[in-house]
Amino acid sequence: MDGSKINDKQVTEEVLLEQGYRKYSGEDLDIYYSKEICAHIGNCVLGNPEVFEVGRRPWIIADNGGLEEDIRVINTCPSGALKYIRKDGK
């Protein structure tokens, strides 16, 4: 799943926030999460526990991983609960 899109359209912060996603800001990447959509499969915490750690607040720290690695893990989310927006415009 492409974590930068919803229904094949590029996501925007406005759309994600309107849909109930919560924003976790990083230097190069903002990660968005929707608890209503999450199926709790665990790909995120298994994929990179430095970025995604459920016992920590905030539980997502985007800067604890590299840009491409964060995107790789987000794209493994089968429910679409995780989305991202790159800050470099790509």
PDB file of N, CA and C in Angstrom:
ATOM      1  N   MET A   1       0.846  -1.176   0.000  1.00  0.00           N
ATOM      2  CA  MET A   1       0.000   0.000   0.000  1.00  0.00           C
ATOM      3  C   MET A   1       0.893   1.242   0.000  1.00  0.00           C
ATOM      4  N   ASP A   2       0.515   2.212  -0.788  1.00  0.00           N
ATOM      5  CA  ASP A   2       1.277   3.459  -0.861  1.00  0.00           C
ATOM      6  C   ASP A   2       0.773   4.401   0.223  1.00  0.00           C
ATOM      7  N   GLY A   3       1.595   4.606   1.235  1.00  0.00           N
ATOM      8  CA  GLY A   3       1.219   5.441   2.371  1.00  0.00           C
ATOM      9  C   GLY A   3       1.144   6.922   2.086  1.00  0.00           C
ATOM     10  N   SER A   4       1.432   7.308   0.855  1.00  0.00           N
ATOM     11  CA  SER A   4       1.326   8.721   0.496  1.00  0.00           C
ATOM     12  C   SER A   4       0.036   9.017  -0.268  1.00  0.00           C
ATOM     13  N   LYS A   5      -0.827   7.993  -0.397  1.00  0.00           N
ATOM     14  CA  LYS A   5      -2.043   8.167  -1.192  1.00  0.00           C
ATOM     15  C   LYS A   5      -3.266   7.574  -0.494  1.00  0.00           C
ATOM     16  N   ILE A   6      -4.413   8.129  -0.841  1.00  0.00           N
ATOM     17  CA  ILE A   6      -5.708   7.560  -0.487  1.00  0.00           C
ATOM     18  C   ILE A   6      -6.503   7.489  -1.783  1.00  0.00           C
ATOM     19  N   ASN A   7      -6.988   6.296  -2.116  1.00  0.00           N
ATOM     20  CA  ASN A   7      -7.725   6.087  -3.367  1.00  0.00           C
ATOM     21  C   ASN A   7      -6.945   6.619  -4.575  1.00  0.00           C
ATOM     22  N   ASP A   8      -5.654   6.318  -4.596  1.00  0.00           N
ATOM     23  CA  ASP A   8      -4.753   6.704  -5.691  1.00  0.00           C
ATOM     24  C   ASP A   8      -4.548   8.210  -5.836  1.00  0.00           C
ATOM     25  N   LYS A   9      -4.954   8.987  -4.842  1.00  0.00           N
ATOM     26  CA  LYS A   9      -4.724  10.432  -4.857  1.00  0.00           C
ATOM     27  C   LYS A   9      -3.718  10.783  -3.770  1.00  0.00           C
ATOM     28  N   GLN A  10      -2.806  11.702  -4.101  1.00  0.00           N
ATOM     29  CA  GLN A  10      -1.805  12.157  -3.148  1.00  0.00           C
ATOM     30  C   GLN A  10      -2.505  12.740  -1.917  1.00  0.00           C
ATOM     31  N   VAL A  11      -2.068  12.323  -0.732  1.00  0.00           N
ATOM     32  CA  VAL A  11      -2.678  12.831   0.494  1.00  0.00           C
ATOM     33  C   VAL A  11      -2.213  14.255   0.771  1.00  0.00           C
ATOM     34  N   THR A  12      -3.040  14.984   1.474  1.00  0.00           N
ATOM     35  CA  THR A  12      -2.679  16.310   1.966  1.00  0.00           C
ATOM     36  C   THR A  12      -2.928  16.325   3.463  1.00  0.00           C
ATOM     37  N   GLU A  13      -2.234  17.212   4.134  1.00  0.00           N
ATOM     38  CA  GLU A  13      -2.426  17.320   5.576  1.00  0.00           C
ATOM     39  C   GLU A  13      -3.884  17.641   5.899  1.00  0.00           C
ATOM     40  N   GLU A  14      -4.471  18.528   5.144  1.00  0.00           N
ATOM     41  CA  GLU A  14      -5.858  18.922   5.389  1.00  0.00           C
ATOM     42  C   GLU A  14      -6.800  17.713   5.337  1.00  0.00           C
ATOM     43  N   VAL A  15      -6.666  16.907   4.308  1.00  0.00           N
ATOM     44  CA  VAL A  15      -7.518  15.723   4.159  1.00  0.00           C
ATOM     45  C   VAL A  15      -7.290  14.743   5.299  1.00  0.00           C
ATOM     46  N   LEU A  16      -6.030  14.486   5.621  1.00  0.00           N
ATOM     47  CA  LEU A  16      -5.734  13.524   6.683  1.00  0.00           C
ATOM     48  C   LEU A  16      -6.285  13.987   8.024  1.00  0.00           C
ATOM     49  N   LEU A  17      -6.101  15.244   8.362  1.00  0.00           N
ATOM     50  CA  LEU A  17      -6.614  15.752   9.640  1.00  0.00           C
ATOM     51  C   LEU A  17      -8.141  15.735   9.661  1.00  0.00           C
ATOM     52  N   GLU A  18      -8.767  16.053   8.544  1.00  0.00           N
ATOM     53  CA  GLU A  18     -10.230  15.983   8.448  1.00  0.00           C
ATOM     54  C   GLU A  18     -10.736  14.562   8.649  1.00  0.00           C
ATOM     55  N   GLN A  19      -9.966  13.585   8.223  1.00  0.00           N
ATOM     56  CA  GLN A  19     -10.355  12.188   8.354  1.00  0.00           C
ATOM     57  C   GLN A  19      -9.967  11.590   9.707  1.00  0.00           C
ATOM     58  N   GLY A  20      -9.442  12.405  10.604  1.00  0.00           N
ATOM     59  CA  GLY A  20      -9.161  11.946  11.957  1.00  0.00           C
ATOM     60  C   GLY A  20      -7.765  11.410  12.200  1.00  0.00           C
ATOM     61  N   TYR A  21      -6.871  11.570  11.238  1.00  0.00           N
ATOM     62  CA  TYR A  21      -5.485  11.149  11.453  1.00  0.00           C
ATOM     63  C   TYR A  21      -4.805  12.116  12.410  1.00  0.00           C
ATOM     64  N   ARG A  22      -3.890  11.592  13.199  1.00  0.00           N
ATOM     65  CA  ARG A  22      -3.077  12.422  14.087  1.00  0.00           C
ATOM     66  C   ARG A  22      -1.689  12.564  13.477  1.00  0.00           C
ATOM     67  N   LYS A  23      -1.138  13.765  13.582  1.00  0.00           N
ATOM     68  CA  LYS A  23       0.148  14.073  12.951  1.00  0.00           C
ATOM     69  C   LYS A  23       1.299  13.902  13.942  1.00  0.00           C
ATOM     70  N   TYR A  24       2.363  13.247  13.465  1.00  0.00           N
ATOM     71  CA  TYR A  24       3.613  13.100  14.203  1.00  0.00           C
ATOM     72  C   TYR A  24       4.707  13.693  13.321  1.00  0.00           C
ATOM     73  N   SER A  25       5.205  14.848  13.690  1.00  0.00           N
ATOM     74  CA  SER A  25       6.139  15.599  12.852  1.00  0.00           C
ATOM     75  C   SER A  25       7.569  15.111  12.986  1.00  0.00           C
ATOM     76  N   GLY A  26       8.240  15.083  11.856  1.00  0.00           N
ATOM     77  CA  GLY A  26       9.663  14.795  11.806  1.00  0.00           C
ATOM     78  C   GLY A  26      10.348  15.846  10.966  1.00  0.00           C
ATOM     79  N   GLU A  27      11.666  15.812  10.937  1.00  0.00           N
ATOM     80  CA  GLU A  27      12.428  16.794  10.170  1.00  0.00           C
ATOM     81  C   GLU A  27      12.187  16.664   8.667  1.00  0.00           C
ATOM     82  N   ASP A  28      12.199  15.417   8.169  1.00  0.00           N
ATOM     83  CA  ASP A  28      12.064  15.174   6.732  1.00  0.00           C
ATOM     84  C   ASP A  28      10.715  14.594   6.331  1.00  0.00           C
ATOM     85  N   LEU A  29       9.959  14.109   7.319  1.00  0.00           N
ATOM     86  CA  LEU A  29       8.740  13.362   7.031  1.00  0.00           C
ATOM     87  C   LEU A  29       7.752  13.556   8.164  1.00  0.00           C
ATOM     88  N   ASP A  30       6.490  13.801   7.817  1.00  0.00           N
ATOM     89  CA  ASP A  30       5.420  13.789   8.814  1.00  0.00           C
ATOM     90  C   ASP A  30       4.678  12.472   8.660  1.00  0.00           C
ATOM     91  N   ILE A  31       4.463  11.804   9.792  1.00  0.00           N
ATOM     92  CA  ILE A  31       3.740  10.540   9.803  1.00  0.00           C
ATOM     93  C   ILE A  31       2.364  10.802  10.405  1.00  0.00           C
ATOM     94  N   TYR A  32       1.350  10.218   9.799  1.00  0.00           N
ATOM     95  CA  TYR A  32      -0.034  10.378  10.253  1.00  0.00           C
ATOM     96  C   TYR A  32      -0.589   9.005  10.608  1.00  0.00           C
ATOM     97  N   TYR A  33      -1.400   8.970  11.671  1.00  0.00           N
ATOM     98  CA  TYR A  33      -1.949   7.700  12.163  1.00  0.00           C
ATOM     99  C   TYR A  33      -3.416   7.865  12.515  1.00  0.00           C
ATOM    100  N   SER A  34      -4.217   6.886  12.118  1.00  0.00           N
ATOM    101  CA  SER A  34      -5.636   6.854  12.457  1.00  0.00           C
ATOM    102  C   SER A  34      -5.926   5.620  13.296  1.00  0.00           C
ATOM    103  N   LYS A  35      -6.254   5.830  14.564  1.00  0.00           N
ATOM    104  CA  LYS A  35      -6.571   4.689  15.430  1.00  0.00           C
ATOM    105  C   LYS A  35      -7.881   4.020  15.028  1.00  0.00           C
ATOM    106  N   GLU A  36      -8.781   4.763  14.369  1.00  0.00           N
ATOM    107  CA  GLU A  36     -10.046   4.187  13.934  1.00  0.00           C
ATOM    108  C   GLU A  36      -9.870   3.188  12.793  1.00  0.00           C
ATOM    109  N   ILE A  37      -8.851   3.389  11.994  1.00  0.00           N
ATOM    110  CA  ILE A  37      -8.598   2.504  10.852  1.00  0.00           C
ATOM    111  C   ILE A  37      -7.680   1.344  11.226  1.00  0.00           C
ATOM    112  N   CYS A  38      -6.830   1.539  12.200  1.00  0.00           N
ATOM    113  CA  CYS A  38      -5.792   0.563  12.547  1.00  0.00           C
ATOM    114  C   CYS A  38      -6.377  -0.824  12.851  1.00  0.00           C
ATOM    115  N   ALA A  39      -5.806  -1.849  12.231  1.00  0.00           N
ATOM    116  CA  ALA A  39      -6.212  -3.238  12.443  1.00  0.00           C
ATOM    117  C   ALA A  39      -5.282  -3.939  13.434  1.00  0.00           C
ATOM    118  N   HIS A  40      -4.299  -3.240  13.970  1.00  0.00           N
ATOM    119  CA  HIS A  40      -3.361  -3.759  14.981  1.00  0.00           C
ATOM    120  C   HIS A  40      -2.632  -5.020  14.513  1.00  0.00           C
ATOM    121  N   ILE A  41      -2.233  -5.015  13.250  1.00  0.00           N
ATOM    122  CA  ILE A  41      -1.456  -6.118  12.689  1.00  0.00           C
ATOM    123  C   ILE A  41      -0.034  -6.099  13.250  1.00  0.00           C
ATOM    124  N   GLY A  42       0.522  -4.902  13.469  1.00  0.00           N
ATOM    125  CA  GLY A  42       1.836  -4.779  14.086  1.00  0.00           C
ATOM    126  C   GLY A  42       2.996  -4.632  13.128  1.00  0.00           C
ATOM    127  N   ASN A  43       2.733  -4.462  11.834  1.00  0.00           N
ATOM    128  CA  ASN A  43       3.836  -4.295  10.893  1.00  0.00           C
ATOM    129  C   ASN A  43       4.715  -3.108  11.252  1.00  0.00           C
ATOM    130  N   CYS A  44       4.127  -2.069  11.800  1.00  0.00           N
ATOM    131  CA  CYS A  44       4.900  -0.871  12.132  1.00  0.00           C
ATOM    132  C   CYS A  44       5.875  -1.147  13.281  1.00  0.00           C
ATOM    133  N   VAL A  45       5.376  -1.688  14.388  1.00  0.00           N
ATOM    134  CA  VAL A  45       6.256  -1.918  15.536  1.00  0.00           C
ATOM    135  C   VAL A  45       7.271  -3.018  15.262  1.00  0.00           C
ATOM    136  N   LEU A  46       6.888  -3.993  14.454  1.00  0.00           N
ATOM    137  CA  LEU A  46       7.840  -5.036  14.068  1.00  0.00           C
ATOM    138  C   LEU A  46       8.821  -4.516  13.029  1.00  0.00           C
ATOM    139  N   GLY A  47       8.360  -3.608  12.179  1.00  0.00           N
ATOM    140  CA  GLY A  47       9.193  -3.063  11.109  1.00  0.00           C
ATOM    141  C   GLY A  47      10.278  -2.133  11.602  1.00  0.00           C
ATOM    142  N   ASN A  48       9.960  -1.308  12.596  1.00  0.00           N
ATOM    143  CA  ASN A  48      10.964  -0.408  13.169  1.00  0.00           C
ATOM    144  C   ASN A  48      10.505   0.072  14.545  1.00  0.00           C
ATOM    145  N   PRO A  49      10.856  -0.668  15.596  1.00  0.00           N
ATOM    146  CA  PRO A  49      10.439  -0.295  16.947  1.00  0.00           C
ATOM    147  C   PRO A  49      11.086   0.987  17.474  1.00  0.00           C
ATOM    148  N   GLU A  50      12.115   1.479  16.786  1.00  0.00           N
ATOM    149  CA  GLU A  50      12.700   2.762  17.190  1.00  0.00           C
ATOM    150  C   GLU A  50      11.758   3.916  16.824  1.00  0.00           C
ATOM    151  N   VAL A  51      11.020   3.754  15.750  1.00  0.00           N
ATOM    152  CA  VAL A  51      10.071   4.778  15.297  1.00  0.00           C
ATOM    153  C   VAL A  51       8.698   4.538  15.914  1.00  0.00           C
ATOM    154  N   PHE A  52       8.244   3.287  15.914  1.00  0.00           N
ATOM    155  CA  PHE A  52       6.904   2.924  16.377  1.00  0.00           C
ATOM    156  C   PHE A  52       7.014   2.085  17.653  1.00  0.00           C
ATOM    157  N   GLU A  53       6.682   2.668  18.789  1.00  0.00           N
ATOM    158  CA  GLU A  53       6.780   1.982  20.084  1.00  0.00           C
ATOM    159  C   GLU A  53       5.525   2.284  20.886  1.00  0.00           C
ATOM    160  N   VAL A  54       4.637   1.297  21.012  1.00  0.00           N
ATOM    161  CA  VAL A  54       3.330   1.536  21.630  1.00  0.00           C
ATOM    162  C   VAL A  54       3.402   1.893  23.112  1.00  0.00           C
ATOM    163  N   GLY A  55       4.450   1.538  23.812  1.00  0.00           N
ATOM    164  CA  GLY A  55       4.561   1.847  25.229  1.00  0.00           C
ATOM    165  C   GLY A  55       5.134   3.228  25.523  1.00  0.00           C
ATOM    166  N   ARG A  56       5.371   3.999  24.507  1.00  0.00           N
ATOM    167  CA  ARG A  56       6.023   5.307  24.651  1.00  0.00           C
ATOM    168  C   ARG A  56       5.034   6.395  24.216  1.00  0.00           C
ATOM    169  N   ARG A  57       5.205   7.575  24.773  1.00  0.00           N
ATOM    170  CA  ARG A  57       4.412   8.738  24.355  1.00  0.00           C
ATOM    171  C   ARG A  57       5.350   9.852  23.965  1.00  0.00           C
ATOM    172  N   PRO A  58       5.306  10.382  22.748  1.00  0.00           N
ATOM    173  CA  PRO A  58       4.453   9.893  21.676  1.00  0.00           C
ATOM    174  C   PRO A  58       4.932   8.534  21.177  1.00  0.00           C
ATOM    175  N   TRP A  59       4.028   7.764  20.675  1.00  0.00           N
ATOM    176  CA  TRP A  59       4.394   6.405  20.266  1.00  0.00           C
ATOM    177  C   TRP A  59       5.064   6.366  18.896  1.00  0.00           C
ATOM    178  N   ILE A  60       4.951   7.459  18.132  1.00  0.00           N
ATOM    179  CA  ILE A  60       5.639   7.565  16.838  1.00  0.00           C
ATOM    180  C   ILE A  60       6.638   8.719  16.904  1.00  0.00           C
ATOM    181  N   ILE A  61       7.912   8.421  16.629  1.00  0.00           N
ATOM    182  CA  ILE A  61       8.945   9.444  16.529  1.00  0.00           C
ATOM    183  C   ILE A  61       9.623   9.261  15.171  1.00  0.00           C
ATOM    184  N   ALA A  62       9.182  10.068  14.215  1.00  0.00           N
ATOM    185  CA  ALA A  62       9.635   9.923  12.826  1.00  0.00           C
ATOM    186  C   ALA A  62      11.145  10.026  12.692  1.00  0.00           C
ATOM    187  N   ASP A  63      11.776  10.890  13.455  1.00  0.00           N
ATOM    188  CA  ASP A  63      13.211  11.120  13.323  1.00  0.00           C
ATOM    189  C   ASP A  63      14.070   9.997  13.907  1.00  0.00           C
ATOM    190  N   ASN A  64      13.454   8.986  14.507  1.00  0.00           N
ATOM    191  CA  ASN A  64      14.220   7.841  15.005  1.00  0.00           C
ATOM    192  C   ASN A  64      14.571   6.852  13.901  1.00  0.00           C
ATOM    193  N   GLY A  65      14.130   7.127  12.694  1.00  0.00           N
ATOM    194  CA  GLY A  65      14.453   6.282  11.547  1.00  0.00           C
ATOM    195  C   GLY A  65      14.820   7.161  10.369  1.00  0.00           C
ATOM    196  N   GLY A  66      15.363   6.552   9.363  1.00  0.00           N
ATOM    197  CA  GLY A  66      15.690   7.280   8.141  1.00  0.00           C
ATOM    198  C   GLY A  66      14.451   7.451   7.279  1.00  0.00           C
ATOM    199  N   LEU A  67      14.474   8.438   6.429  1.00  0.00           N
ATOM    200  CA  LEU A  67      13.339   8.765   5.570  1.00  0.00           C
ATOM    201  C   LEU A  67      12.849   7.552   4.781  1.00  0.00           C
ATOM    202  N   GLU A  68      13.724   6.926   4.042  1.00  0.00           N
ATOM    203  CA  GLU A  68      13.329   5.790   3.199  1.00  0.00           C
ATOM    204  C   GLU A  68      12.874   4.589   4.031  1.00  0.00           C
ATOM    205  N   GLU A  69      13.509   4.376   5.165  1.00  0.00           N
ATOM    206  CA  GLU A  69      13.117   3.272   6.045  1.00  0.00           C
ATOM    207  C   GLU A  69      11.729   3.531   6.638  1.00  0.00           C
ATOM    208  N   ASP A  70      11.458   4.753   7.063  1.00  0.00           N
ATOM    209  CA  ASP A  70      10.127   5.094   7.584  1.00  0.00           C
ATOM    210  C   ASP A  70       9.066   4.835   6.519  1.00  0.00           C
ATOM    211  N   ILE A  71       9.327   5.277   5.292  1.00  0.00           N
ATOM    212  CA  ILE A  71       8.376   5.082   4.197  1.00  0.00           C
ATOM    213  C   ILE A  71       8.169   3.593   3.920  1.00  0.00           C
ATOM    214  N   ARG A  72       9.240   2.832   3.925  1.00  0.00           N
ATOM    215  CA  ARG A  72       9.136   1.388   3.693  1.00  0.00           C
ATOM    216  C   ARG A  72       8.206   0.749   4.710  1.00  0.00           C
ATOM    217  N   VAL A  73       8.385   1.083   5.993  1.00  0.00           N
ATOM    218  CA  VAL A  73       7.559   0.489   7.051  1.00  0.00           C
ATOM    219  C   VAL A  73       6.109   0.955   6.920  1.00  0.00           C
ATOM    220  N   ILE A  74       5.891   2.237   6.691  1.00  0.00           N
ATOM    221  CA  ILE A  74       4.525   2.757   6.541  1.00  0.00           C
ATOM    222  C   ILE A  74       3.811   2.056   5.391  1.00  0.00           C
ATOM    223  N   ASN A  75       4.514   1.802   4.314  1.00  0.00           N
ATOM    224  CA  ASN A  75       3.908   1.147   3.147  1.00  0.00           C
ATOM    225  C   ASN A  75       3.543  -0.314   3.410  1.00  0.00           C
ATOM    226  N   THR A  76       3.996  -0.902   4.512  1.00  0.00           N
ATOM    227  CA  THR A  76       3.610  -2.271   4.866  1.00  0.00           C
ATOM    228  C   THR A  76       2.319  -2.308   5.675  1.00  0.00           C
ATOM    229  N   CYS A  77       1.777  -1.162   6.030  1.00  0.00           N
ATOM    230  CA  CYS A  77       0.539  -1.106   6.818  1.00  0.00           C
ATOM    231  C   CYS A  77      -0.638  -1.534   5.942  1.00  0.00           C
ATOM    232  N   PRO A  78      -1.263  -2.683   6.255  1.00  0.00           N
ATOM    233  CA  PRO A  78      -2.315  -3.191   5.380  1.00  0.00           C
ATOM    234  C   PRO A  78      -3.651  -2.452   5.495  1.00  0.00           C
ATOM    235  N   SER A  79      -3.866  -1.748   6.593  1.00  0.00           N
ATOM    236  CA  SER A  79      -5.159  -1.093   6.813  1.00  0.00           C
ATOM    237  C   SER A  79      -5.225   0.331   6.275  1.00  0.00           C
ATOM    238  N   GLY A  80      -4.068   0.947   6.054  1.00  0.00           N
ATOM    239  CA  GLY A  80      -4.046   2.350   5.650  1.00  0.00           C
ATOM    240  C   GLY A  80      -4.088   3.303   6.831  1.00  0.00           C
ATOM    241  N   ALA A  81      -3.900   2.787   8.030  1.00  0.00           N
ATOM    242  CA  ALA A  81      -3.914   3.625   9.230  1.00  0.00           C
ATOM    243  C   ALA A  81      -2.703   4.538   9.311  1.00  0.00           C
ATOM    244  N   LEU A  82      -1.633   4.190   8.614  1.00  0.00           N
ATOM    245  CA  LEU A  82      -0.436   5.015   8.582  1.00  0.00           C
ATOM    246  C   LEU A  82      -0.292   5.669   7.214  1.00  0.00           C
ATOM    247  N   LYS A  83      -0.047   6.954   7.217  1.00  0.00           N
ATOM    248  CA  LYS A  83       0.190   7.730   5.996  1.00  0.00           C
ATOM    249  C   LYS A  83       1.388   8.625   6.244  1.00  0.00           C
ATOM    250  N   TYR A  84       1.945   9.180   5.184  1.00  0.00           N
ATOM    251  CA  TYR A  84       3.078  10.090   5.339  1.00  0.00           C
ATOM    252  C   TYR A  84       3.040  11.181   4.309  1.00  0.00           C
ATOM    253  N   ILE A  85       3.686  12.285   4.661  1.00  0.00           N
ATOM    254  CA  ILE A  85       3.921  13.387   3.729  1.00  0.00           C
ATOM    255  C   ILE A  85       5.388  13.756   3.845  1.00  0.00           C
ATOM    256  N   ARG A  86       6.087  13.667   2.717  1.00  0.00           N
ATOM    257  CA  ARG A  86       7.494  14.066   2.689  1.00  0.00           C
ATOM    258  C   ARG A  86       7.580  15.578   2.689  1.00  0.00           C
ATOM    259  N   LYS A  87       8.572  16.112   3.360  1.00  0.00           N
ATOM    260  CA  LYS A  87       8.742  17.560   3.415  1.00  0.00           C
ATOM    261  C   LYS A  87       9.560  18.108   2.252  1.00  0.00           C
ATOM    262  N   ASP A  88      10.164  17.193   1.468  1.00  0.00           N
ATOM    263  CA  ASP A  88      10.950  17.646   0.307  1.00  0.00           C
ATOM    264  C   ASP A  88      10.086  17.756  -0.947  1.00  0.00           C
ATOM    265  N   GLY A  89       8.774  17.501  -0.816  1.00  0.00           N
ATOM    266  CA  GLY A  89       7.868  17.660  -1.936  1.00  0.00           C
ATOM    267  C   GLY A  89       7.832  16.532  -2.931  1.00  0.00           C
ATOM    268  N   LYS A  90       8.568  15.470  -2.712  1.00  0.00           N
ATOM    269  CA  LYS A  90       8.601  14.332  -3.651  1.00  0.00           C
ATOM    270  C   LYS A  90       7.417  13.423  -3.436  1.00  0.00           C
TER     271      LYS A  90
END
